[in-house]
Amino acid sequence: MKRPSLVALVTLLPCLAFAQDATAPVNEVMNAVTENWKELGSDEDAPQNYVDYYSEDFLKRLYSKDFAAKYHEAAKYPAYEEGESPFDYDTIAMGQDGCPIKDLKIEAAPAANGVTDVKTTFDNTHCFGERAPDWKPAEVHFSVIEEDGRPVIDDILRVIDGTPDSLKKEMDEIAADGAKGGVAPTQEEDPE
């Protein structure tokens, strides 16, 4: 009787360890987000060093190979001539302007089909003044998978007006538009 229980325990241990570790890459990215949006003590303070969420170090350690490949393809078409990033906004804080991050919560759901949904919520608009009565904190989901024996972020889903918006999809669109000369085709254009 003890043998089946032992087999079940040995089989489940890696799954339990992964579920606990699934928040590790998200924690590291969200620490960078929090640091990037940290309030300076005064206008005379030197700005802190910006942490690139998509640096080569982060891409190798915290993101899946597929995510990194999509980022590299999109990065061939930087948002600004003098830049390297394909984005013209903070993809996690979801904007160019914001307040220091506060009330950050990170929660992992149980894994399903090899993916752990790690939900983050935070307030980055508290300094903008009065809010709408239906205001909700920003919500970003990280799809975390196991790759090469470690948890990595495979996609980032920003919830905008209740709908998740995939960063991988956005990177695919940037790469496709860039390959066409940077202009998205209109519906009137003839594909031939």
N, C-alpha and C. Protein backbone atom coordinates (compact mmCIF):
# COMPACT_ATOMS: atom_id res chain seq x y z
N MET A 1 0.81 -1.20 0.00
CA MET A 1 0.00 0.00 0.00
C MET A 1 0.85 1.27 0.00
N LYS A 2 2.01 1.19 0.61
CA LYS A 2 2.85 2.38 0.67
C LYS A 2 3.49 2.68 -0.67
N ARG A 3 3.73 1.64 -1.48
CA ARG A 3 4.40 1.84 -2.76
C ARG A 3 3.60 2.76 -3.69
N PRO A 4 2.29 2.57 -3.91
CA PRO A 4 1.55 3.50 -4.79
C PRO A 4 1.56 4.93 -4.26
N SER A 5 1.49 5.09 -2.95
CA SER A 5 1.53 6.44 -2.39
C SER A 5 2.88 7.09 -2.63
N LEU A 6 3.93 6.30 -2.50
CA LEU A 6 5.28 6.82 -2.73
C LEU A 6 5.46 7.20 -4.20
N VAL A 7 4.96 6.36 -5.10
CA VAL A 7 5.05 6.65 -6.54
C VAL A 7 4.29 7.94 -6.86
N ALA A 8 3.11 8.09 -6.30
CA ALA A 8 2.32 9.30 -6.53
C ALA A 8 3.04 10.53 -6.01
N LEU A 9 3.66 10.42 -4.83
CA LEU A 9 4.38 11.54 -4.25
C LEU A 9 5.57 11.93 -5.12
N VAL A 10 6.34 10.95 -5.55
CA VAL A 10 7.51 11.21 -6.40
C VAL A 10 7.08 11.84 -7.72
N THR A 11 5.94 11.41 -8.25
CA THR A 11 5.43 11.96 -9.51
C THR A 11 4.96 13.39 -9.34
N LEU A 12 4.34 13.71 -8.21
CA LEU A 12 3.78 15.04 -7.99
C LEU A 12 4.81 16.08 -7.54
N LEU A 13 5.90 15.66 -6.92
CA LEU A 13 6.87 16.62 -6.39
C LEU A 13 7.38 17.60 -7.44
N PRO A 14 7.80 17.15 -8.63
CA PRO A 14 8.26 18.13 -9.62
C PRO A 14 7.18 19.14 -9.99
N CYS A 15 5.92 18.71 -10.08
CA CYS A 15 4.82 19.62 -10.41
C CYS A 15 4.64 20.66 -9.31
N LEU A 16 4.71 20.22 -8.05
CA LEU A 16 4.56 21.14 -6.93
C LEU A 16 5.71 22.14 -6.90
N ALA A 17 6.93 21.65 -7.15
CA ALA A 17 8.08 22.55 -7.15
C ALA A 17 7.95 23.58 -8.26
N PHE A 18 7.49 23.16 -9.44
CA PHE A 18 7.32 24.11 -10.54
C PHE A 18 6.28 25.15 -10.20
N ALA A 19 5.16 24.73 -9.60
CA ALA A 19 4.10 25.67 -9.25
C ALA A 19 4.63 26.74 -8.29
N GLN A 20 5.48 26.33 -7.36
CA GLN A 20 6.04 27.29 -6.42
C GLN A 20 7.04 28.22 -7.11
N ASP A 21 7.81 27.69 -8.05
CA ASP A 21 8.83 28.47 -8.73
C ASP A 21 8.28 29.30 -9.88
N ALA A 22 7.05 29.06 -10.30
CA ALA A 22 6.48 29.75 -11.46
C ALA A 22 6.46 31.26 -11.27
N THR A 23 6.42 31.71 -10.04
CA THR A 23 6.41 33.16 -9.80
C THR A 23 7.80 33.78 -9.84
N ALA A 24 8.86 32.96 -9.82
CA ALA A 24 10.22 33.49 -9.75
C ALA A 24 10.55 34.44 -10.90
N PRO A 25 10.34 34.06 -12.18
CA PRO A 25 10.67 35.02 -13.24
C PRO A 25 9.77 36.25 -13.22
N VAL A 26 8.53 36.07 -12.82
CA VAL A 26 7.59 37.19 -12.75
C VAL A 26 8.02 38.16 -11.64
N ASN A 27 8.42 37.61 -10.50
CA ASN A 27 8.91 38.46 -9.40
C ASN A 27 10.09 39.31 -9.86
N GLU A 28 11.02 38.70 -10.60
CA GLU A 28 12.20 39.44 -11.05
C GLU A 28 11.82 40.56 -12.02
N VAL A 29 10.92 40.26 -12.95
CA VAL A 29 10.47 41.29 -13.90
C VAL A 29 9.71 42.39 -13.16
N MET A 30 8.82 42.02 -12.26
CA MET A 30 8.04 43.03 -11.54
C MET A 30 8.91 43.86 -10.60
N ASN A 31 9.98 43.29 -10.07
CA ASN A 31 10.94 44.09 -9.29
C ASN A 31 11.57 45.15 -10.18
N ALA A 32 11.89 44.78 -11.43
CA ALA A 32 12.45 45.75 -12.39
C ALA A 32 11.43 46.83 -12.72
N VAL A 33 10.18 46.43 -12.93
CA VAL A 33 9.12 47.40 -13.22
C VAL A 33 9.00 48.39 -12.06
N THR A 34 8.95 47.87 -10.85
CA THR A 34 8.82 48.71 -9.66
C THR A 34 10.01 49.66 -9.55
N GLU A 35 11.19 49.16 -9.81
CA GLU A 35 12.40 50.00 -9.74
C GLU A 35 12.37 51.09 -10.82
N ASN A 36 11.95 50.73 -12.03
CA ASN A 36 11.90 51.71 -13.12
C ASN A 36 10.91 52.83 -12.85
N TRP A 37 9.85 52.54 -12.13
CA TRP A 37 8.81 53.54 -11.88
C TRP A 37 8.92 54.14 -10.48
N LYS A 38 10.05 53.91 -9.82
CA LYS A 38 10.25 54.43 -8.47
C LYS A 38 10.27 55.96 -8.48
N GLU A 39 9.64 56.53 -7.48
CA GLU A 39 9.59 57.99 -7.37
C GLU A 39 10.93 58.51 -6.87
N LEU A 40 11.39 59.58 -7.50
CA LEU A 40 12.62 60.23 -7.05
C LEU A 40 12.27 61.16 -5.90
N GLY A 41 13.21 61.39 -5.01
CA GLY A 41 12.96 62.24 -3.85
C GLY A 41 12.69 63.69 -4.24
N SER A 42 13.38 64.17 -5.28
CA SER A 42 13.16 65.55 -5.75
C SER A 42 13.56 65.63 -7.21
N ASP A 43 13.27 66.76 -7.83
CA ASP A 43 13.63 66.95 -9.23
C ASP A 43 15.14 66.95 -9.45
N GLU A 44 15.89 67.17 -8.37
CA GLU A 44 17.35 67.22 -8.49
C GLU A 44 17.98 65.84 -8.38
N ASP A 45 17.23 64.85 -7.96
CA ASP A 45 17.78 63.50 -7.87
C ASP A 45 18.08 62.97 -9.27
N ALA A 46 19.18 62.26 -9.37
CA ALA A 46 19.52 61.63 -10.65
C ALA A 46 18.56 60.47 -10.87
N PRO A 47 18.07 60.31 -12.10
CA PRO A 47 17.17 59.18 -12.35
C PRO A 47 17.91 57.86 -12.13
N GLN A 48 17.17 56.88 -11.66
CA GLN A 48 17.76 55.57 -11.41
C GLN A 48 18.10 54.91 -12.75
N ASN A 49 18.92 53.90 -12.68
CA ASN A 49 19.27 53.16 -13.89
C ASN A 49 18.07 52.37 -14.35
N TYR A 50 17.69 52.57 -15.59
CA TYR A 50 16.56 51.86 -16.17
C TYR A 50 16.92 50.39 -16.35
N VAL A 51 16.03 49.51 -15.96
CA VAL A 51 16.23 48.07 -16.15
C VAL A 51 15.40 47.65 -17.35
N ASP A 52 16.06 47.15 -18.39
CA ASP A 52 15.37 46.72 -19.61
C ASP A 52 14.79 45.33 -19.36
N TYR A 53 13.47 45.22 -19.44
CA TYR A 53 12.80 43.93 -19.21
C TYR A 53 13.15 42.92 -20.28
N TYR A 54 13.70 43.39 -21.39
CA TYR A 54 14.02 42.52 -22.52
C TYR A 54 15.50 42.57 -22.87
N SER A 55 16.34 42.79 -21.85
CA SER A 55 17.79 42.74 -22.06
C SER A 55 18.16 41.30 -22.44
N GLU A 56 19.32 41.14 -23.03
CA GLU A 56 19.75 39.78 -23.40
C GLU A 56 19.81 38.87 -22.18
N ASP A 57 20.26 39.41 -21.05
CA ASP A 57 20.31 38.62 -19.82
C ASP A 57 18.91 38.14 -19.44
N PHE A 58 17.94 39.06 -19.42
CA PHE A 58 16.57 38.67 -19.07
C PHE A 58 16.00 37.71 -20.10
N LEU A 59 16.22 37.98 -21.38
CA LEU A 59 15.67 37.10 -22.42
C LEU A 59 16.18 35.68 -22.27
N LYS A 60 17.44 35.52 -21.92
CA LYS A 60 18.03 34.18 -21.76
C LYS A 60 17.56 33.48 -20.49
N ARG A 61 17.40 34.24 -19.41
CA ARG A 61 17.10 33.64 -18.11
C ARG A 61 15.62 33.56 -17.77
N LEU A 62 14.83 34.56 -18.19
CA LEU A 62 13.47 34.69 -17.68
C LEU A 62 12.38 34.38 -18.70
N TYR A 63 12.73 34.34 -19.98
CA TYR A 63 11.73 34.16 -21.03
C TYR A 63 11.97 32.88 -21.81
N SER A 64 10.89 32.37 -22.42
CA SER A 64 11.00 31.17 -23.25
C SER A 64 11.78 31.48 -24.52
N LYS A 65 12.28 30.44 -25.15
CA LYS A 65 13.01 30.60 -26.41
C LYS A 65 12.10 31.20 -27.47
N ASP A 66 10.83 30.79 -27.49
CA ASP A 66 9.89 31.32 -28.47
C ASP A 66 9.65 32.81 -28.24
N PHE A 67 9.47 33.21 -26.99
CA PHE A 67 9.27 34.63 -26.67
C PHE A 67 10.50 35.42 -27.11
N ALA A 68 11.70 34.94 -26.77
CA ALA A 68 12.94 35.64 -27.12
C ALA A 68 13.09 35.76 -28.63
N ALA A 69 12.75 34.71 -29.37
CA ALA A 69 12.84 34.76 -30.84
C ALA A 69 11.89 35.81 -31.40
N LYS A 70 10.68 35.86 -30.88
CA LYS A 70 9.71 36.86 -31.34
C LYS A 70 10.18 38.27 -31.00
N TYR A 71 10.77 38.43 -29.82
CA TYR A 71 11.30 39.75 -29.45
C TYR A 71 12.41 40.16 -30.41
N HIS A 72 13.36 39.26 -30.66
CA HIS A 72 14.47 39.58 -31.56
C HIS A 72 13.98 39.95 -32.96
N GLU A 73 12.98 39.25 -33.43
CA GLU A 73 12.42 39.55 -34.76
C GLU A 73 11.76 40.93 -34.75
N ALA A 74 10.99 41.24 -33.73
CA ALA A 74 10.33 42.55 -33.63
C ALA A 74 11.36 43.67 -33.44
N ALA A 75 12.44 43.38 -32.72
CA ALA A 75 13.47 44.39 -32.43
C ALA A 75 14.23 44.82 -33.69
N LYS A 76 14.08 44.09 -34.77
CA LYS A 76 14.68 44.52 -36.05
C LYS A 76 14.02 45.81 -36.54
N TYR A 77 12.88 46.14 -35.95
CA TYR A 77 12.10 47.31 -36.35
C TYR A 77 11.84 48.18 -35.12
N PRO A 78 12.88 48.91 -34.65
CA PRO A 78 12.71 49.70 -33.43
C PRO A 78 11.65 50.79 -33.58
N ALA A 79 11.01 51.11 -32.48
CA ALA A 79 9.96 52.13 -32.47
C ALA A 79 10.53 53.51 -32.78
N TYR A 80 11.79 53.75 -32.41
CA TYR A 80 12.44 55.03 -32.66
C TYR A 80 13.73 54.79 -33.42
N GLU A 81 14.09 55.72 -34.29
CA GLU A 81 15.30 55.57 -35.11
C GLU A 81 16.54 55.33 -34.28
N GLU A 82 16.66 56.04 -33.16
CA GLU A 82 17.86 55.91 -32.33
C GLU A 82 17.74 54.81 -31.28
N GLY A 83 16.64 54.09 -31.27
CA GLY A 83 16.40 53.09 -30.24
C GLY A 83 16.63 51.67 -30.70
N GLU A 84 16.50 50.76 -29.77
CA GLU A 84 16.63 49.34 -30.06
C GLU A 84 15.35 48.58 -29.79
N SER A 85 14.46 49.15 -29.00
CA SER A 85 13.23 48.47 -28.61
C SER A 85 12.15 48.60 -29.68
N PRO A 86 11.40 47.54 -29.91
CA PRO A 86 10.28 47.64 -30.84
C PRO A 86 9.08 48.36 -30.23
N PHE A 87 9.15 48.69 -28.97
CA PHE A 87 8.01 49.29 -28.26
C PHE A 87 8.25 50.77 -27.98
N ASP A 88 7.19 51.55 -28.05
CA ASP A 88 7.30 52.97 -27.72
C ASP A 88 6.58 53.29 -26.41
N TYR A 89 6.43 52.27 -25.59
CA TYR A 89 5.76 52.42 -24.29
C TYR A 89 6.23 51.29 -23.38
N ASP A 90 5.94 51.41 -22.10
CA ASP A 90 6.28 50.35 -21.15
C ASP A 90 5.23 49.26 -21.29
N THR A 91 5.64 48.11 -21.76
CA THR A 91 4.70 47.02 -22.08
C THR A 91 4.07 46.39 -20.86
N ILE A 92 4.64 46.57 -19.71
CA ILE A 92 4.07 45.97 -18.50
C ILE A 92 3.26 47.00 -17.71
N ALA A 93 3.81 48.20 -17.55
CA ALA A 93 3.05 49.27 -16.89
C ALA A 93 1.98 49.82 -17.83
N MET A 94 2.05 49.45 -19.09
CA MET A 94 1.05 49.77 -20.12
C MET A 94 0.92 51.26 -20.38
N GLY A 95 2.04 51.94 -20.54
CA GLY A 95 1.97 53.34 -20.89
C GLY A 95 3.32 54.01 -20.88
N GLN A 96 3.32 55.30 -21.19
CA GLN A 96 4.54 56.10 -21.15
C GLN A 96 4.60 56.94 -19.89
N ASP A 97 3.44 57.21 -19.33
CA ASP A 97 3.36 58.00 -18.10
C ASP A 97 2.72 57.15 -17.01
N GLY A 98 3.15 57.37 -15.81
CA GLY A 98 2.56 56.62 -14.71
C GLY A 98 3.14 57.06 -13.39
N CYS A 99 2.67 56.44 -12.37
CA CYS A 99 3.08 56.74 -11.00
C CYS A 99 3.94 55.58 -10.51
N PRO A 100 4.65 55.78 -9.39
CA PRO A 100 5.34 54.65 -8.80
C PRO A 100 4.36 53.50 -8.55
N ILE A 101 4.83 52.29 -8.76
CA ILE A 101 3.99 51.10 -8.58
C ILE A 101 3.69 50.93 -7.10
N LYS A 102 2.40 50.73 -6.79
CA LYS A 102 2.05 50.42 -5.40
C LYS A 102 0.97 49.34 -5.41
N ASP A 103 0.79 48.72 -4.27
CA ASP A 103 -0.21 47.66 -4.09
C ASP A 103 -0.01 46.50 -5.07
N LEU A 104 1.25 46.14 -5.31
CA LEU A 104 1.56 45.03 -6.23
C LEU A 104 1.17 43.70 -5.58
N LYS A 105 0.43 42.90 -6.33
CA LYS A 105 0.06 41.54 -5.90
C LYS A 105 0.46 40.59 -7.01
N ILE A 106 1.04 39.46 -6.63
CA ILE A 106 1.44 38.43 -7.59
C ILE A 106 0.87 37.11 -7.10
N GLU A 107 0.03 36.48 -7.94
CA GLU A 107 -0.63 35.23 -7.55
C GLU A 107 -0.55 34.23 -8.69
N ALA A 108 -0.11 33.02 -8.37
CA ALA A 108 -0.05 31.95 -9.37
C ALA A 108 -1.27 31.06 -9.25
N ALA A 109 -1.91 30.79 -10.38
CA ALA A 109 -3.01 29.83 -10.43
C ALA A 109 -2.41 28.44 -10.59
N PRO A 110 -3.17 27.40 -10.34
CA PRO A 110 -2.66 26.05 -10.60
C PRO A 110 -2.33 25.89 -12.09
N ALA A 111 -1.28 25.14 -12.37
CA ALA A 111 -0.88 24.91 -13.76
C ALA A 111 -1.97 24.14 -14.50
N ALA A 112 -2.15 24.48 -15.77
CA ALA A 112 -3.10 23.79 -16.64
C ALA A 112 -2.47 23.63 -18.01
N ASN A 113 -2.42 22.40 -18.49
CA ASN A 113 -1.83 22.12 -19.81
C ASN A 113 -0.41 22.64 -19.94
N GLY A 114 0.36 22.53 -18.87
CA GLY A 114 1.77 22.94 -18.90
C GLY A 114 2.01 24.43 -18.76
N VAL A 115 0.96 25.21 -18.49
CA VAL A 115 1.09 26.66 -18.36
C VAL A 115 0.56 27.09 -16.99
N THR A 116 1.34 27.90 -16.30
CA THR A 116 0.89 28.50 -15.05
C THR A 116 0.59 29.97 -15.32
N ASP A 117 -0.64 30.37 -15.00
CA ASP A 117 -1.03 31.77 -15.14
C ASP A 117 -0.64 32.50 -13.86
N VAL A 118 0.28 33.44 -13.99
CA VAL A 118 0.69 34.25 -12.84
C VAL A 118 0.09 35.64 -13.04
N LYS A 119 -0.88 35.95 -12.19
CA LYS A 119 -1.61 37.21 -12.30
C LYS A 119 -0.96 38.27 -11.42
N THR A 120 -0.73 39.44 -12.00
CA THR A 120 -0.25 40.57 -11.22
C THR A 120 -1.28 41.69 -11.31
N THR A 121 -1.45 42.37 -10.21
CA THR A 121 -2.27 43.59 -10.20
C THR A 121 -1.46 44.66 -9.47
N PHE A 122 -1.64 45.90 -9.89
CA PHE A 122 -0.91 47.00 -9.26
C PHE A 122 -1.60 48.32 -9.60
N ASP A 123 -1.27 49.32 -8.81
CA ASP A 123 -1.81 50.66 -9.01
C ASP A 123 -0.66 51.55 -9.49
N ASN A 124 -0.76 52.01 -10.73
CA ASN A 124 0.24 52.94 -11.25
C ASN A 124 -0.41 54.23 -11.76
N THR A 125 -1.61 54.53 -11.22
CA THR A 125 -2.30 55.77 -11.60
C THR A 125 -2.72 56.59 -10.38
N HIS A 126 -2.28 56.21 -9.19
CA HIS A 126 -2.70 56.88 -7.96
C HIS A 126 -2.31 58.35 -7.91
N CYS A 127 -1.31 58.76 -8.67
CA CYS A 127 -0.87 60.16 -8.62
C CYS A 127 -1.58 61.04 -9.65
N PHE A 128 -2.51 60.49 -10.40
CA PHE A 128 -3.20 61.25 -11.45
C PHE A 128 -4.41 62.02 -10.94
N GLY A 129 -4.74 61.89 -9.69
CA GLY A 129 -5.90 62.61 -9.15
C GLY A 129 -7.12 61.72 -9.06
N GLU A 130 -8.27 62.36 -9.14
CA GLU A 130 -9.54 61.64 -8.98
C GLU A 130 -9.72 60.58 -10.06
N ARG A 131 -10.29 59.45 -9.66
CA ARG A 131 -10.49 58.34 -10.59
C ARG A 131 -11.97 58.09 -10.81
N ALA A 132 -12.25 57.40 -11.90
CA ALA A 132 -13.63 57.00 -12.21
C ALA A 132 -14.13 56.04 -11.14
N PRO A 133 -15.42 56.03 -10.88
CA PRO A 133 -15.98 55.13 -9.87
C PRO A 133 -15.72 53.65 -10.17
N ASP A 134 -15.58 53.30 -11.43
CA ASP A 134 -15.35 51.90 -11.79
C ASP A 134 -13.86 51.57 -11.97
N TRP A 135 -12.98 52.43 -11.42
CA TRP A 135 -11.54 52.21 -11.54
C TRP A 135 -11.15 50.86 -10.97
N LYS A 136 -10.22 50.20 -11.66
CA LYS A 136 -9.64 48.94 -11.18
C LYS A 136 -8.14 49.03 -11.34
N PRO A 137 -7.39 48.28 -10.54
CA PRO A 137 -5.94 48.29 -10.71
C PRO A 137 -5.55 47.67 -12.05
N ALA A 138 -4.35 48.02 -12.50
CA ALA A 138 -3.81 47.41 -13.72
C ALA A 138 -3.68 45.91 -13.49
N GLU A 139 -3.93 45.13 -14.53
CA GLU A 139 -3.86 43.67 -14.43
C GLU A 139 -3.03 43.13 -15.58
N VAL A 140 -2.00 42.38 -15.24
CA VAL A 140 -1.12 41.77 -16.24
C VAL A 140 -0.94 40.31 -15.86
N HIS A 141 -1.12 39.42 -16.83
CA HIS A 141 -0.94 37.99 -16.62
C HIS A 141 0.33 37.54 -17.34
N PHE A 142 1.09 36.70 -16.68
CA PHE A 142 2.29 36.11 -17.26
C PHE A 142 2.01 34.62 -17.45
N SER A 143 2.15 34.13 -18.67
CA SER A 143 2.02 32.70 -18.94
C SER A 143 3.39 32.08 -18.74
N VAL A 144 3.53 31.26 -17.71
CA VAL A 144 4.81 30.68 -17.34
C VAL A 144 4.80 29.20 -17.68
N ILE A 145 5.85 28.76 -18.38
CA ILE A 145 6.01 27.36 -18.74
C ILE A 145 7.34 26.87 -18.19
N GLU A 146 7.53 25.56 -18.24
CA GLU A 146 8.82 25.00 -17.87
C GLU A 146 9.59 24.71 -19.14
N GLU A 147 10.82 25.19 -19.20
CA GLU A 147 11.67 24.98 -20.37
C GLU A 147 13.09 24.74 -19.87
N ASP A 148 13.70 23.67 -20.32
CA ASP A 148 15.05 23.30 -19.87
C ASP A 148 15.12 23.20 -18.34
N GLY A 149 14.03 22.70 -17.73
CA GLY A 149 14.01 22.45 -16.30
C GLY A 149 13.80 23.66 -15.42
N ARG A 150 13.40 24.78 -16.00
CA ARG A 150 13.17 25.97 -15.18
C ARG A 150 11.96 26.73 -15.69
N PRO A 151 11.32 27.49 -14.79
CA PRO A 151 10.15 28.27 -15.21
C PRO A 151 10.58 29.51 -15.99
N VAL A 152 9.89 29.76 -17.10
CA VAL A 152 10.17 30.93 -17.93
C VAL A 152 8.85 31.54 -18.40
N ILE A 153 8.88 32.82 -18.69
CA ILE A 153 7.70 33.54 -19.17
C ILE A 153 7.56 33.28 -20.66
N ASP A 154 6.40 32.76 -21.07
CA ASP A 154 6.17 32.48 -22.48
C ASP A 154 5.30 33.54 -23.15
N ASP A 155 4.55 34.29 -22.39
CA ASP A 155 3.77 35.39 -22.94
C ASP A 155 3.37 36.32 -21.80
N ILE A 156 3.06 37.56 -22.17
CA ILE A 156 2.59 38.56 -21.22
C ILE A 156 1.26 39.05 -21.77
N LEU A 157 0.22 38.91 -20.96
CA LEU A 157 -1.13 39.31 -21.38
C LEU A 157 -1.56 40.50 -20.54
N ARG A 158 -1.65 41.65 -21.18
CA ARG A 158 -2.10 42.87 -20.51
C ARG A 158 -3.61 42.94 -20.66
N VAL A 159 -4.31 43.08 -19.56
CA VAL A 159 -5.78 43.13 -19.61
C VAL A 159 -6.19 44.58 -19.84
N ILE A 160 -6.78 44.82 -21.02
CA ILE A 160 -7.21 46.16 -21.40
C ILE A 160 -8.71 46.11 -21.67
N ASP A 161 -9.46 46.88 -20.91
CA ASP A 161 -10.93 46.87 -21.01
C ASP A 161 -11.50 45.45 -20.89
N GLY A 162 -10.92 44.67 -19.98
CA GLY A 162 -11.41 43.33 -19.71
C GLY A 162 -10.93 42.26 -20.67
N THR A 163 -10.16 42.64 -21.69
CA THR A 163 -9.70 41.69 -22.70
C THR A 163 -8.19 41.52 -22.62
N PRO A 164 -7.69 40.26 -22.53
CA PRO A 164 -6.25 40.05 -22.50
C PRO A 164 -5.63 40.35 -23.87
N ASP A 165 -4.51 41.06 -23.86
CA ASP A 165 -3.80 41.46 -25.07
C ASP A 165 -2.41 40.84 -25.03
N SER A 166 -2.12 39.93 -25.95
CA SER A 166 -0.88 39.17 -25.97
C SER A 166 0.30 39.99 -26.48
N LEU A 167 1.38 40.02 -25.71
CA LEU A 167 2.59 40.71 -26.16
C LEU A 167 3.24 39.94 -27.30
N LYS A 168 3.17 38.60 -27.28
CA LYS A 168 3.74 37.83 -28.39
C LYS A 168 3.01 38.16 -29.70
N LYS A 169 1.71 38.31 -29.63
CA LYS A 169 0.95 38.68 -30.82
C LYS A 169 1.38 40.07 -31.30
N GLU A 170 1.54 41.00 -30.36
CA GLU A 170 1.99 42.34 -30.73
C GLU A 170 3.37 42.30 -31.39
N MET A 171 4.27 41.48 -30.86
CA MET A 171 5.61 41.37 -31.46
C MET A 171 5.53 40.79 -32.87
N ASP A 172 4.67 39.78 -33.07
CA ASP A 172 4.46 39.23 -34.42
C ASP A 172 3.97 40.31 -35.37
N GLU A 173 3.04 41.14 -34.91
CA GLU A 173 2.50 42.22 -35.75
C GLU A 173 3.57 43.26 -36.08
N ILE A 174 4.41 43.61 -35.11
CA ILE A 174 5.49 44.57 -35.34
C ILE A 174 6.44 44.02 -36.39
N ALA A 175 6.82 42.74 -36.26
CA ALA A 175 7.74 42.13 -37.22
C ALA A 175 7.12 42.06 -38.61
N ALA A 176 5.85 41.68 -38.69
CA ALA A 176 5.18 41.58 -39.99
C ALA A 176 5.06 42.96 -40.63
N ASP A 177 4.65 43.96 -39.86
CA ASP A 177 4.53 45.32 -40.40
C ASP A 177 5.90 45.86 -40.81
N GLY A 178 6.92 45.59 -40.00
CA GLY A 178 8.27 46.05 -40.31
C GLY A 178 8.80 45.43 -41.59
N ALA A 179 8.51 44.15 -41.79
CA ALA A 179 8.96 43.46 -43.00
C ALA A 179 8.28 44.03 -44.25
N LYS A 180 7.12 44.65 -44.06
CA LYS A 180 6.39 45.26 -45.19
C LYS A 180 6.74 46.73 -45.34
N GLY A 181 7.79 47.16 -44.71
CA GLY A 181 8.17 48.55 -44.81
C GLY A 181 7.62 49.42 -43.70
N GLY A 182 7.08 48.79 -42.68
CA GLY A 182 6.61 49.53 -41.52
C GLY A 182 5.20 50.04 -41.60
N VAL A 183 4.49 49.69 -42.66
CA VAL A 183 3.12 50.16 -42.81
C VAL A 183 2.19 48.97 -42.80
N ALA A 184 1.24 48.98 -41.89
CA ALA A 184 0.26 47.91 -41.85
C ALA A 184 -0.65 48.03 -43.07
N PRO A 185 -0.96 46.92 -43.73
CA PRO A 185 -1.84 47.00 -44.90
C PRO A 185 -3.25 47.41 -44.49
N THR A 186 -3.90 48.16 -45.35
CA THR A 186 -5.28 48.54 -45.10
C THR A 186 -6.19 47.55 -45.79
N GLN A 187 -7.46 47.57 -45.42
CA GLN A 187 -8.41 46.63 -46.01
C GLN A 187 -8.64 46.92 -47.49
N GLU A 188 -8.42 48.16 -47.93
CA GLU A 188 -8.66 48.50 -49.33
C GLU A 188 -7.57 47.96 -50.25
N GLU A 189 -6.38 47.66 -49.68
CA GLU A 189 -5.28 47.22 -50.52
C GLU A 189 -5.56 45.86 -51.12
N ASP A 190 -5.19 45.70 -52.37
CA ASP A 190 -5.32 44.43 -53.07
C ASP A 190 -4.10 43.58 -52.75
N PRO A 191 -4.26 42.36 -52.22
CA PRO A 191 -3.11 41.55 -51.82
C PRO A 191 -2.26 41.09 -53.00
N GLU A 192 -2.72 41.24 -54.24
CA GLU A 192 -1.94 40.77 -55.39
C GLU A 192 -1.05 41.84 -55.95
